[in-house]
Amino acid sequence: MKTSAWREMKIWVDADACPRIIKEIVFRASDRLKTPVVLVANMGMDKHHTPLVTSVLVPEGPDVADDYIADHVAPVDLVITADIPLAARVVEKGGLALDPRGDLYTEDNVGERLSYRDLLQELRSAGIVHGGPGQLGLTDRQRFASALDRTLTRMIRGER
């Protein structure tokens, strides 16, 4: 990514289910790099005291926030989401997606992760598997912060 393209980069946050601590880590990175952040959700969000952070309130409904992000994301952008189908759509458009536990979705792995998610969903529907991922812990937050820093550094350098 050339310097001018990096200046156009945005960090999109699928904000409905994104933990507050993860958003705070993103805000700090945004402030440090002067990179805009766009929070997208279908319920009200806190006001932000920096012009780098904007919020988009979308109508309620399944996947409405995901659709908005997928429709507006550019290949130079990064999306923070735990939603694997959204991550797949972002990667398909040339962008990158990072989940709140620090896993980066790329062309090389998003198809496998989507298949695994679908399998787990079928197993849950059949009553074979119960529950989802555990609560976000300190190690997860640290892993996310490190992955975010590495990813943004590579994006700024023009690496993928």
N, C-alpha and C. Protein backbone atom coordinates (compact mmCIF):
# COMPACT_ATOMS: atom_id res chain seq x y z
N MET A 1 0.86 -1.16 0.00
CA MET A 1 0.00 0.00 0.00
C MET A 1 0.90 1.23 0.00
N LYS A 2 0.73 2.08 -0.97
CA LYS A 2 1.52 3.31 -1.02
C LYS A 2 1.06 4.23 0.11
N THR A 3 1.93 5.19 0.45
CA THR A 3 1.62 6.10 1.55
C THR A 3 0.26 6.77 1.35
N SER A 4 -0.05 7.18 0.12
CA SER A 4 -1.34 7.84 -0.11
C SER A 4 -2.50 6.88 0.14
N ALA A 5 -2.33 5.60 -0.25
CA ALA A 5 -3.39 4.62 0.00
C ALA A 5 -3.55 4.39 1.50
N TRP A 6 -2.44 4.34 2.24
CA TRP A 6 -2.52 4.16 3.68
C TRP A 6 -3.31 5.31 4.30
N ARG A 7 -3.13 6.51 3.80
CA ARG A 7 -3.85 7.65 4.34
C ARG A 7 -5.35 7.54 4.09
N GLU A 8 -5.75 6.74 3.11
CA GLU A 8 -7.16 6.53 2.83
C GLU A 8 -7.74 5.38 3.64
N MET A 9 -6.89 4.59 4.30
CA MET A 9 -7.32 3.42 5.04
C MET A 9 -8.25 3.80 6.18
N LYS A 10 -9.24 2.92 6.41
CA LYS A 10 -10.14 3.06 7.55
C LYS A 10 -10.14 1.74 8.30
N ILE A 11 -10.43 1.84 9.58
CA ILE A 11 -10.66 0.66 10.39
C ILE A 11 -12.16 0.62 10.66
N TRP A 12 -12.81 -0.42 10.17
CA TRP A 12 -14.24 -0.60 10.37
C TRP A 12 -14.43 -1.54 11.55
N VAL A 13 -15.39 -1.24 12.42
CA VAL A 13 -15.66 -2.09 13.57
C VAL A 13 -17.12 -2.53 13.52
N ASP A 14 -17.31 -3.85 13.50
CA ASP A 14 -18.64 -4.44 13.61
C ASP A 14 -19.00 -4.30 15.09
N ALA A 15 -19.62 -3.17 15.43
CA ALA A 15 -19.67 -2.70 16.82
C ALA A 15 -20.75 -3.33 17.70
N ASP A 16 -21.73 -3.98 17.13
CA ASP A 16 -22.81 -4.54 17.96
C ASP A 16 -22.30 -5.51 19.01
N ALA A 17 -21.42 -6.41 18.61
CA ALA A 17 -20.94 -7.44 19.54
C ALA A 17 -19.49 -7.26 19.94
N CYS A 18 -18.85 -6.21 19.46
CA CYS A 18 -17.43 -6.00 19.77
C CYS A 18 -17.28 -5.53 21.22
N PRO A 19 -16.47 -6.23 22.00
CA PRO A 19 -16.28 -5.82 23.40
C PRO A 19 -15.68 -4.41 23.51
N ARG A 20 -16.10 -3.70 24.54
CA ARG A 20 -15.64 -2.33 24.76
C ARG A 20 -14.11 -2.24 24.82
N ILE A 21 -13.47 -3.18 25.50
CA ILE A 21 -12.00 -3.13 25.63
C ILE A 21 -11.34 -3.24 24.27
N ILE A 22 -11.90 -4.01 23.37
CA ILE A 22 -11.34 -4.15 22.02
C ILE A 22 -11.50 -2.83 21.27
N LYS A 23 -12.66 -2.19 21.42
CA LYS A 23 -12.85 -0.88 20.78
C LYS A 23 -11.84 0.13 21.32
N GLU A 24 -11.58 0.10 22.62
CA GLU A 24 -10.62 1.03 23.21
C GLU A 24 -9.21 0.81 22.65
N ILE A 25 -8.84 -0.44 22.44
CA ILE A 25 -7.53 -0.74 21.84
C ILE A 25 -7.48 -0.18 20.41
N VAL A 26 -8.57 -0.34 19.66
CA VAL A 26 -8.65 0.20 18.30
C VAL A 26 -8.56 1.72 18.33
N PHE A 27 -9.25 2.36 19.27
CA PHE A 27 -9.21 3.82 19.36
C PHE A 27 -7.79 4.32 19.63
N ARG A 28 -7.06 3.63 20.50
CA ARG A 28 -5.67 4.04 20.78
C ARG A 28 -4.80 3.91 19.53
N ALA A 29 -4.97 2.81 18.79
CA ALA A 29 -4.20 2.63 17.55
C ALA A 29 -4.58 3.71 16.54
N SER A 30 -5.85 4.01 16.44
CA SER A 30 -6.33 5.05 15.53
C SER A 30 -5.70 6.40 15.87
N ASP A 31 -5.68 6.73 17.14
CA ASP A 31 -5.10 7.99 17.57
C ASP A 31 -3.60 8.05 17.27
N ARG A 32 -2.92 6.95 17.54
CA ARG A 32 -1.47 6.89 17.31
C ARG A 32 -1.13 7.05 15.83
N LEU A 33 -1.92 6.40 14.96
CA LEU A 33 -1.63 6.40 13.53
C LEU A 33 -2.43 7.44 12.75
N LYS A 34 -3.33 8.12 13.44
CA LYS A 34 -4.22 9.10 12.79
C LYS A 34 -5.03 8.45 11.67
N THR A 35 -5.56 7.26 11.98
CA THR A 35 -6.36 6.48 11.04
C THR A 35 -7.82 6.51 11.47
N PRO A 36 -8.73 6.85 10.57
CA PRO A 36 -10.15 6.90 10.94
C PRO A 36 -10.73 5.53 11.29
N VAL A 37 -11.66 5.55 12.22
CA VAL A 37 -12.40 4.36 12.64
C VAL A 37 -13.88 4.62 12.39
N VAL A 38 -14.56 3.62 11.84
CA VAL A 38 -16.00 3.71 11.63
C VAL A 38 -16.65 2.57 12.40
N LEU A 39 -17.47 2.93 13.39
CA LEU A 39 -18.23 1.95 14.16
C LEU A 39 -19.59 1.78 13.49
N VAL A 40 -19.98 0.54 13.24
CA VAL A 40 -21.27 0.28 12.60
C VAL A 40 -22.07 -0.63 13.52
N ALA A 41 -23.29 -0.18 13.86
CA ALA A 41 -24.13 -0.96 14.77
C ALA A 41 -25.60 -0.65 14.51
N ASN A 42 -26.47 -1.54 15.02
CA ASN A 42 -27.90 -1.28 14.87
C ASN A 42 -28.53 -0.86 16.20
N MET A 43 -27.69 -0.54 17.18
CA MET A 43 -28.19 0.03 18.42
C MET A 43 -27.30 1.20 18.82
N GLY A 44 -27.83 2.08 19.65
CA GLY A 44 -27.11 3.29 20.02
C GLY A 44 -25.71 3.04 20.56
N MET A 45 -24.81 3.96 20.27
CA MET A 45 -23.42 3.86 20.71
C MET A 45 -23.03 5.11 21.48
N ASP A 46 -22.00 4.98 22.30
CA ASP A 46 -21.48 6.12 23.04
C ASP A 46 -20.91 7.15 22.08
N LYS A 47 -20.95 8.41 22.48
CA LYS A 47 -20.33 9.49 21.71
C LYS A 47 -18.82 9.40 21.87
N HIS A 48 -18.10 9.85 20.86
CA HIS A 48 -16.64 9.82 20.90
C HIS A 48 -16.11 11.23 20.79
N HIS A 49 -15.01 11.46 21.46
CA HIS A 49 -14.48 12.82 21.57
C HIS A 49 -13.31 13.04 20.64
N THR A 50 -13.28 12.34 19.54
CA THR A 50 -12.23 12.53 18.55
C THR A 50 -12.87 12.51 17.17
N PRO A 51 -12.40 13.37 16.29
CA PRO A 51 -12.96 13.35 14.93
C PRO A 51 -12.55 12.12 14.13
N LEU A 52 -11.61 11.33 14.63
CA LEU A 52 -11.19 10.12 13.94
C LEU A 52 -12.20 8.99 14.05
N VAL A 53 -13.09 9.05 15.04
CA VAL A 53 -14.06 7.98 15.25
C VAL A 53 -15.45 8.48 14.89
N THR A 54 -16.07 7.79 13.94
CA THR A 54 -17.45 8.10 13.56
C THR A 54 -18.31 6.86 13.79
N SER A 55 -19.59 7.08 13.92
CA SER A 55 -20.53 5.98 14.15
C SER A 55 -21.60 6.00 13.07
N VAL A 56 -21.97 4.82 12.63
CA VAL A 56 -23.06 4.66 11.68
C VAL A 56 -24.10 3.77 12.34
N LEU A 57 -25.29 4.30 12.50
CA LEU A 57 -26.40 3.55 13.07
C LEU A 57 -27.25 3.02 11.92
N VAL A 58 -27.33 1.70 11.82
CA VAL A 58 -28.11 1.08 10.75
C VAL A 58 -29.41 0.55 11.34
N PRO A 59 -30.41 0.30 10.50
CA PRO A 59 -31.67 -0.26 11.01
C PRO A 59 -31.46 -1.65 11.61
N GLU A 60 -32.35 -2.02 12.52
CA GLU A 60 -32.28 -3.36 13.11
C GLU A 60 -32.60 -4.41 12.06
N GLY A 61 -32.04 -5.58 12.26
CA GLY A 61 -32.30 -6.69 11.34
C GLY A 61 -31.07 -7.53 11.20
N PRO A 62 -31.27 -8.77 10.80
CA PRO A 62 -30.13 -9.66 10.66
C PRO A 62 -29.17 -9.18 9.56
N ASP A 63 -27.92 -9.11 9.91
CA ASP A 63 -26.84 -8.80 8.97
C ASP A 63 -26.88 -7.40 8.35
N VAL A 64 -27.68 -6.49 8.89
CA VAL A 64 -27.76 -5.15 8.31
C VAL A 64 -26.43 -4.42 8.50
N ALA A 65 -25.85 -4.51 9.69
CA ALA A 65 -24.54 -3.88 9.93
C ALA A 65 -23.47 -4.55 9.06
N ASP A 66 -23.52 -5.86 8.97
CA ASP A 66 -22.56 -6.58 8.13
C ASP A 66 -22.67 -6.14 6.68
N ASP A 67 -23.91 -6.03 6.19
CA ASP A 67 -24.12 -5.59 4.80
C ASP A 67 -23.57 -4.19 4.58
N TYR A 68 -23.78 -3.31 5.55
CA TYR A 68 -23.28 -1.94 5.41
C TYR A 68 -21.76 -1.94 5.30
N ILE A 69 -21.11 -2.68 6.20
CA ILE A 69 -19.65 -2.73 6.17
C ILE A 69 -19.17 -3.33 4.86
N ALA A 70 -19.74 -4.46 4.46
CA ALA A 70 -19.31 -5.13 3.23
C ALA A 70 -19.51 -4.24 2.00
N ASP A 71 -20.56 -3.44 2.00
CA ASP A 71 -20.83 -2.54 0.88
C ASP A 71 -19.88 -1.35 0.83
N HIS A 72 -19.32 -0.95 1.97
CA HIS A 72 -18.51 0.26 2.03
C HIS A 72 -17.01 0.03 2.21
N VAL A 73 -16.61 -1.18 2.56
CA VAL A 73 -15.19 -1.45 2.81
C VAL A 73 -14.40 -1.38 1.49
N ALA A 74 -13.19 -0.90 1.60
CA ALA A 74 -12.29 -0.80 0.44
C ALA A 74 -11.12 -1.77 0.64
N PRO A 75 -10.42 -2.12 -0.43
CA PRO A 75 -9.29 -3.05 -0.31
C PRO A 75 -8.18 -2.56 0.64
N VAL A 76 -8.11 -1.28 0.91
CA VAL A 76 -7.08 -0.75 1.81
C VAL A 76 -7.52 -0.76 3.27
N ASP A 77 -8.73 -1.27 3.55
CA ASP A 77 -9.30 -1.18 4.89
C ASP A 77 -9.09 -2.45 5.71
N LEU A 78 -9.26 -2.27 7.03
CA LEU A 78 -9.23 -3.36 7.98
C LEU A 78 -10.57 -3.38 8.70
N VAL A 79 -11.15 -4.57 8.87
CA VAL A 79 -12.41 -4.71 9.57
C VAL A 79 -12.19 -5.54 10.82
N ILE A 80 -12.72 -5.05 11.94
CA ILE A 80 -12.68 -5.79 13.20
C ILE A 80 -14.04 -6.45 13.38
N THR A 81 -14.05 -7.79 13.35
CA THR A 81 -15.31 -8.52 13.47
C THR A 81 -15.06 -9.95 13.93
N ALA A 82 -16.02 -10.47 14.66
CA ALA A 82 -16.01 -11.89 15.03
C ALA A 82 -16.90 -12.68 14.08
N ASP A 83 -17.54 -12.00 13.16
CA ASP A 83 -18.48 -12.61 12.23
C ASP A 83 -17.71 -13.16 11.02
N ILE A 84 -17.59 -14.46 10.94
CA ILE A 84 -16.78 -15.06 9.87
C ILE A 84 -17.37 -14.84 8.48
N PRO A 85 -18.70 -14.94 8.30
CA PRO A 85 -19.23 -14.62 6.96
C PRO A 85 -18.92 -13.18 6.53
N LEU A 86 -18.98 -12.23 7.46
CA LEU A 86 -18.59 -10.86 7.12
C LEU A 86 -17.11 -10.82 6.76
N ALA A 87 -16.27 -11.48 7.55
CA ALA A 87 -14.83 -11.51 7.25
C ALA A 87 -14.59 -12.06 5.85
N ALA A 88 -15.32 -13.10 5.46
CA ALA A 88 -15.17 -13.68 4.13
C ALA A 88 -15.53 -12.66 3.04
N ARG A 89 -16.59 -11.89 3.28
CA ARG A 89 -16.99 -10.87 2.31
C ARG A 89 -15.94 -9.76 2.20
N VAL A 90 -15.36 -9.39 3.33
CA VAL A 90 -14.32 -8.36 3.35
C VAL A 90 -13.09 -8.84 2.57
N VAL A 91 -12.67 -10.06 2.86
CA VAL A 91 -11.49 -10.62 2.18
C VAL A 91 -11.75 -10.74 0.68
N GLU A 92 -12.97 -11.12 0.32
CA GLU A 92 -13.32 -11.22 -1.09
C GLU A 92 -13.16 -9.88 -1.81
N LYS A 93 -13.41 -8.79 -1.10
CA LYS A 93 -13.26 -7.45 -1.69
C LYS A 93 -11.82 -6.94 -1.62
N GLY A 94 -10.91 -7.74 -1.07
CA GLY A 94 -9.51 -7.35 -1.02
C GLY A 94 -9.07 -6.77 0.30
N GLY A 95 -9.99 -6.62 1.26
CA GLY A 95 -9.63 -6.08 2.58
C GLY A 95 -9.14 -7.18 3.51
N LEU A 96 -8.82 -6.78 4.73
CA LEU A 96 -8.42 -7.72 5.76
C LEU A 96 -9.41 -7.63 6.91
N ALA A 97 -9.56 -8.72 7.62
CA ALA A 97 -10.44 -8.74 8.79
C ALA A 97 -9.69 -9.37 9.95
N LEU A 98 -9.91 -8.81 11.14
CA LEU A 98 -9.27 -9.28 12.36
C LEU A 98 -10.34 -9.50 13.40
N ASP A 99 -10.32 -10.66 14.06
CA ASP A 99 -11.34 -10.88 15.07
C ASP A 99 -10.85 -10.40 16.44
N PRO A 100 -11.77 -10.21 17.39
CA PRO A 100 -11.40 -9.65 18.70
C PRO A 100 -10.45 -10.52 19.53
N ARG A 101 -10.16 -11.71 19.06
CA ARG A 101 -9.18 -12.56 19.75
C ARG A 101 -7.82 -12.54 19.05
N GLY A 102 -7.71 -11.73 17.99
CA GLY A 102 -6.42 -11.57 17.32
C GLY A 102 -6.19 -12.48 16.13
N ASP A 103 -7.21 -13.17 15.65
CA ASP A 103 -7.06 -14.01 14.47
C ASP A 103 -7.31 -13.19 13.22
N LEU A 104 -6.34 -13.20 12.31
CA LEU A 104 -6.44 -12.46 11.07
C LEU A 104 -7.06 -13.35 10.00
N TYR A 105 -8.08 -12.84 9.32
CA TYR A 105 -8.72 -13.55 8.23
C TYR A 105 -8.10 -13.08 6.92
N THR A 106 -7.61 -14.02 6.14
CA THR A 106 -6.97 -13.72 4.86
C THR A 106 -7.54 -14.65 3.79
N GLU A 107 -7.12 -14.45 2.55
CA GLU A 107 -7.53 -15.34 1.46
C GLU A 107 -7.13 -16.78 1.75
N ASP A 108 -6.01 -16.95 2.46
CA ASP A 108 -5.48 -18.29 2.72
C ASP A 108 -6.27 -19.07 3.77
N ASN A 109 -6.98 -18.38 4.68
CA ASN A 109 -7.62 -19.12 5.76
C ASN A 109 -9.12 -18.90 5.93
N VAL A 110 -9.69 -17.91 5.29
CA VAL A 110 -11.08 -17.57 5.58
C VAL A 110 -12.05 -18.66 5.11
N GLY A 111 -11.75 -19.33 4.02
CA GLY A 111 -12.63 -20.41 3.55
C GLY A 111 -12.69 -21.56 4.54
N GLU A 112 -11.52 -21.94 5.06
CA GLU A 112 -11.47 -23.02 6.05
C GLU A 112 -12.22 -22.63 7.33
N ARG A 113 -12.04 -21.40 7.77
CA ARG A 113 -12.71 -20.94 8.99
C ARG A 113 -14.22 -20.85 8.80
N LEU A 114 -14.63 -20.48 7.61
CA LEU A 114 -16.07 -20.43 7.32
C LEU A 114 -16.66 -21.84 7.34
N SER A 115 -15.95 -22.80 6.77
CA SER A 115 -16.41 -24.19 6.78
C SER A 115 -16.49 -24.72 8.20
N TYR A 116 -15.49 -24.42 9.02
CA TYR A 116 -15.47 -24.86 10.41
C TYR A 116 -16.64 -24.24 11.18
N ARG A 117 -16.89 -22.97 10.94
CA ARG A 117 -18.02 -22.29 11.60
C ARG A 117 -19.33 -22.95 11.21
N ASP A 118 -19.50 -23.26 9.93
CA ASP A 118 -20.73 -23.91 9.47
C ASP A 118 -20.90 -25.28 10.10
N LEU A 119 -19.80 -26.03 10.22
CA LEU A 119 -19.86 -27.34 10.87
C LEU A 119 -20.30 -27.21 12.32
N LEU A 120 -19.70 -26.27 13.05
CA LEU A 120 -20.09 -26.07 14.45
C LEU A 120 -21.54 -25.66 14.57
N GLN A 121 -22.00 -24.84 13.65
CA GLN A 121 -23.40 -24.41 13.66
C GLN A 121 -24.33 -25.62 13.47
N GLU A 122 -23.96 -26.52 12.57
CA GLU A 122 -24.76 -27.73 12.36
C GLU A 122 -24.74 -28.62 13.61
N LEU A 123 -23.57 -28.75 14.23
CA LEU A 123 -23.46 -29.57 15.44
C LEU A 123 -24.26 -28.97 16.59
N ARG A 124 -24.29 -27.64 16.68
CA ARG A 124 -25.10 -26.98 17.72
C ARG A 124 -26.59 -27.22 17.45
N SER A 125 -26.98 -27.11 16.20
CA SER A 125 -28.39 -27.33 15.83
C SER A 125 -28.84 -28.75 16.14
N ALA A 126 -27.91 -29.68 16.02
CA ALA A 126 -28.22 -31.09 16.30
C ALA A 126 -28.11 -31.41 17.79
N GLY A 127 -27.68 -30.44 18.58
CA GLY A 127 -27.55 -30.65 20.02
C GLY A 127 -26.30 -31.40 20.43
N ILE A 128 -25.37 -31.57 19.50
CA ILE A 128 -24.13 -32.30 19.78
C ILE A 128 -23.11 -31.39 20.48
N VAL A 129 -23.08 -30.14 20.09
CA VAL A 129 -22.17 -29.16 20.68
C VAL A 129 -23.01 -28.07 21.31
N HIS A 130 -22.58 -27.58 22.47
CA HIS A 130 -23.31 -26.53 23.17
C HIS A 130 -22.39 -25.34 23.39
N GLY A 131 -22.98 -24.14 23.36
CA GLY A 131 -22.23 -22.93 23.68
C GLY A 131 -21.35 -22.44 22.55
N GLY A 132 -20.67 -21.35 22.83
CA GLY A 132 -19.78 -20.74 21.86
C GLY A 132 -18.44 -20.46 22.50
N PRO A 133 -17.73 -19.48 21.97
CA PRO A 133 -16.42 -19.18 22.54
C PRO A 133 -16.55 -18.64 23.96
N GLY A 134 -15.52 -18.85 24.75
CA GLY A 134 -15.51 -18.38 26.13
C GLY A 134 -15.38 -16.87 26.21
N GLN A 135 -15.47 -16.36 27.42
CA GLN A 135 -15.36 -14.94 27.65
C GLN A 135 -13.97 -14.45 27.27
N LEU A 136 -13.89 -13.22 26.78
CA LEU A 136 -12.63 -12.61 26.37
C LEU A 136 -11.78 -12.34 27.60
N GLY A 137 -10.59 -12.91 27.64
CA GLY A 137 -9.70 -12.75 28.78
C GLY A 137 -8.53 -11.82 28.49
N LEU A 138 -7.68 -11.63 29.47
CA LEU A 138 -6.51 -10.76 29.35
C LEU A 138 -5.60 -11.23 28.22
N THR A 139 -5.37 -12.52 28.13
CA THR A 139 -4.51 -13.05 27.07
C THR A 139 -5.10 -12.74 25.70
N ASP A 140 -6.42 -12.86 25.57
CA ASP A 140 -7.08 -12.54 24.30
C ASP A 140 -6.91 -11.07 23.95
N ARG A 141 -7.05 -10.20 24.92
CA ARG A 141 -6.88 -8.76 24.67
C ARG A 141 -5.46 -8.44 24.24
N GLN A 142 -4.50 -9.05 24.90
CA GLN A 142 -3.10 -8.83 24.54
C GLN A 142 -2.81 -9.36 23.14
N ARG A 143 -3.36 -10.53 22.85
CA ARG A 143 -3.17 -11.12 21.52
C ARG A 143 -3.79 -10.22 20.45
N PHE A 144 -4.98 -9.67 20.74
CA PHE A 144 -5.62 -8.78 19.78
C PHE A 144 -4.77 -7.52 19.56
N ALA A 145 -4.31 -6.91 20.65
CA ALA A 145 -3.51 -5.69 20.54
C ALA A 145 -2.26 -5.94 19.70
N SER A 146 -1.59 -7.05 19.94
CA SER A 146 -0.38 -7.38 19.17
C SER A 146 -0.71 -7.62 17.70
N ALA A 147 -1.78 -8.37 17.44
CA ALA A 147 -2.18 -8.66 16.07
C ALA A 147 -2.60 -7.38 15.34
N LEU A 148 -3.31 -6.50 16.02
CA LEU A 148 -3.72 -5.22 15.42
C LEU A 148 -2.49 -4.41 15.05
N ASP A 149 -1.54 -4.31 15.96
CA ASP A 149 -0.32 -3.54 15.70
C ASP A 149 0.45 -4.13 14.52
N ARG A 150 0.63 -5.45 14.51
CA ARG A 150 1.35 -6.12 13.41
C ARG A 150 0.64 -5.89 12.08
N THR A 151 -0.68 -6.06 12.09
CA THR A 151 -1.46 -5.93 10.86
C THR A 151 -1.40 -4.51 10.32
N LEU A 152 -1.61 -3.53 11.18
CA LEU A 152 -1.57 -2.14 10.73
C LEU A 152 -0.17 -1.77 10.23
N THR A 153 0.87 -2.25 10.90
CA THR A 153 2.25 -1.97 10.47
C THR A 153 2.47 -2.55 9.07
N ARG A 154 2.04 -3.79 8.85
CA ARG A 154 2.20 -4.41 7.52
C ARG A 154 1.40 -3.65 6.48
N MET A 155 0.19 -3.24 6.83
CA MET A 155 -0.65 -2.52 5.87
C MET A 155 -0.01 -1.18 5.49
N ILE A 156 0.55 -0.49 6.47
CA ILE A 156 1.20 0.79 6.21
C ILE A 156 2.40 0.61 5.30
N ARG A 157 3.13 -0.50 5.49
CA ARG A 157 4.31 -0.80 4.65
C ARG A 157 3.92 -1.31 3.27
N GLY A 158 2.66 -1.58 3.05
CA GLY A 158 2.23 -2.10 1.77
C GLY A 158 2.30 -3.61 1.68
N GLU A 159 2.46 -4.28 2.82
CA GLU A 159 2.52 -5.74 2.86
C GLU A 159 1.15 -6.27 3.21
N ARG A 160 0.90 -7.52 2.89
CA ARG A 160 -0.37 -8.15 3.23
C ARG A 160 -0.15 -9.28 4.14
